């Protein structure tokens, strides 16, 4: 299993501490759809925990992924149903299925930088 396959296995178990264990202490995580950037494990952990609270059935199905040297990338399908509000995204209660892509840099065995891409309109049922 490459690092992203391992990460999303843990992500699908909703294990916040396990997820954070994949990241370097000086991480940079950018969520392009939401216009958010996280520069610490604490900030990313708070976001992930809030996301699991708002979307308790959130899951990712990786359709392709690779990790080679200092880079990794994946395509996935993100599924769930948002039952609580997130900042800037009121809960719709409607199930969603959204294509998702991620690109990252790896340093010393940890993910140091990640950018994820997904369509907010699809997420909101548009």
Protein backbone atom coordinates (compact mmCIF):
# COMPACT_ATOMS: atom_id res chain seq x y z
CA UNK A 1 0.00 0.00 0.00
CA UNK A 2 1.29 3.45 -0.82
CA UNK A 3 1.03 6.34 1.64
CA UNK A 4 -2.27 7.65 0.24
CA UNK A 5 -3.88 4.20 0.27
CA UNK A 6 -2.84 3.91 3.92
CA UNK A 7 -4.00 7.45 4.74
CA UNK A 8 -7.45 7.00 3.22
CA UNK A 9 -7.87 3.64 4.91
CA UNK A 10 -7.42 5.48 8.22
CA UNK A 11 -9.55 8.41 6.97
CA UNK A 12 -12.42 6.01 6.26
CA UNK A 13 -12.21 4.80 9.88
CA UNK A 14 -12.63 8.45 11.04
CA UNK A 15 -9.43 8.25 13.12
CA UNK A 16 -8.32 11.88 13.50
CA UNK A 17 -5.11 11.09 15.39
CA UNK A 18 -4.28 8.33 12.90
CA UNK A 19 -4.76 10.77 10.01
CA UNK A 20 -2.53 13.38 11.62
CA UNK A 21 0.20 10.75 12.08
CA UNK A 22 0.73 10.75 8.29
CA UNK A 23 1.64 14.45 8.24
CA UNK A 24 4.85 16.36 8.97
CA UNK A 25 4.71 18.76 11.92
CA UNK A 26 5.16 21.73 9.55
CA UNK A 27 2.45 20.58 7.15
CA UNK A 28 0.68 22.73 4.60
CA UNK A 29 -2.78 21.42 3.64
CA UNK A 30 -4.86 23.36 1.11
CA UNK A 31 -8.50 22.62 0.35
CA UNK A 32 -9.11 24.39 -2.96
CA UNK A 33 -12.91 24.00 -3.01
CA UNK A 34 -13.30 25.66 0.38
CA UNK A 35 -10.42 28.10 0.03
CA UNK A 36 -8.88 26.85 3.28
CA UNK A 37 -5.26 26.37 4.27
CA UNK A 38 -4.00 24.59 7.36
CA UNK A 39 -0.45 25.10 8.61
CA UNK A 40 -0.47 22.89 11.70
CA UNK A 41 -1.65 19.49 12.85
CA UNK A 42 -3.89 21.16 15.44
CA UNK A 43 -5.69 23.23 12.80
CA UNK A 44 -6.03 20.30 10.41
CA UNK A 45 -7.20 18.02 13.23
CA UNK A 46 -9.92 20.48 14.27
CA UNK A 47 -11.13 20.70 10.67
CA UNK A 48 -11.14 16.92 10.20
CA UNK A 49 -13.01 16.37 13.48
CA UNK A 50 -15.61 19.00 12.53
CA UNK A 51 -15.99 17.37 9.12
CA UNK A 52 -16.59 13.92 10.66
CA UNK A 53 -19.15 15.46 13.02
CA UNK A 54 -20.99 17.16 10.12
CA UNK A 55 -20.67 14.18 7.74
CA UNK A 56 -20.70 11.08 9.97
CA UNK A 57 -20.76 8.67 7.01
CA UNK A 58 -17.99 10.40 5.02
CA UNK A 59 -15.95 7.97 2.94
CA UNK A 60 -13.40 8.00 0.15
CA UNK A 61 -13.00 5.34 -2.51
CA UNK A 62 -9.59 5.67 -4.15
CA UNK A 63 -9.84 4.94 -7.86
CA UNK A 64 -6.14 5.51 -8.56
CA UNK A 65 -3.11 6.57 -6.57
CA UNK A 66 0.65 6.65 -6.60
CA UNK A 67 3.53 7.60 -4.36
CA UNK A 68 7.03 7.85 -5.74
CA UNK A 69 9.97 9.43 -3.99
CA UNK A 70 8.85 12.84 -2.83
CA UNK A 71 5.41 13.05 -4.50
CA UNK A 72 2.02 11.39 -4.23
CA UNK A 73 -1.33 11.81 -5.94
CA UNK A 74 -4.73 10.16 -6.06
CA UNK A 75 -8.16 10.30 -7.58
CA UNK A 76 -11.13 9.28 -5.48
CA UNK A 77 -14.86 9.40 -5.06
CA UNK A 78 -16.01 11.17 -1.90
CA UNK A 79 -19.40 10.14 -0.51
CA UNK A 80 -21.56 11.01 2.44
CA UNK A 81 -24.44 13.09 3.72
CA UNK A 82 -23.87 16.39 5.51
CA UNK A 83 -26.19 16.53 8.53
CA UNK A 84 -24.65 19.52 10.34
CA UNK A 85 -23.44 22.91 9.13
CA UNK A 86 -19.81 23.50 8.29
CA UNK A 87 -18.37 27.03 7.98
CA UNK A 88 -19.86 28.45 4.80
CA UNK A 89 -21.72 25.21 3.97
CA UNK A 90 -25.18 24.76 5.48
CA UNK A 91 -26.24 21.16 5.96
CA UNK A 92 -28.51 19.90 3.19
CA UNK A 93 -29.07 16.36 4.46
CA UNK A 94 -28.81 15.22 0.84
CA UNK A 95 -26.40 12.40 0.00
CA UNK A 96 -23.50 13.45 -2.23
CA UNK A 97 -21.04 11.72 -4.50
CA UNK A 98 -18.17 13.93 -5.64
CA UNK A 99 -15.01 13.22 -7.62
CA UNK A 100 -11.94 14.22 -5.65
CA UNK A 101 -8.23 14.60 -6.42
CA UNK A 102 -5.24 15.15 -4.20
CA UNK A 103 -1.58 15.95 -4.83
CA UNK A 104 1.08 15.93 -2.16
CA UNK A 105 4.75 16.18 -1.33
CA UNK A 106 6.50 13.68 0.93
CA UNK A 107 9.50 14.49 3.10
CA UNK A 108 11.19 12.08 5.52
CA UNK A 109 8.33 9.60 5.18
CA UNK A 110 5.61 12.13 6.09
CA UNK A 111 3.26 14.16 3.92
CA UNK A 112 4.54 17.73 4.08
CA UNK A 113 2.21 19.46 1.62
CA UNK A 114 -1.20 18.54 0.22
CA UNK A 115 -3.59 20.24 -2.17
CA UNK A 116 -7.02 18.72 -2.68
CA UNK A 117 -9.49 19.50 -5.44
CA UNK A 118 -13.21 18.75 -5.59
CA UNK A 119 -16.36 20.40 -6.88
CA UNK A 120 -18.32 22.29 -4.21
CA UNK A 121 -21.35 22.60 -6.54
CA UNK A 122 -21.57 18.80 -6.83
CA UNK A 123 -21.18 18.52 -3.06
CA UNK A 124 -24.13 20.85 -2.53
CA UNK A 125 -26.31 18.87 -4.92
CA UNK A 126 -25.94 21.13 -7.96
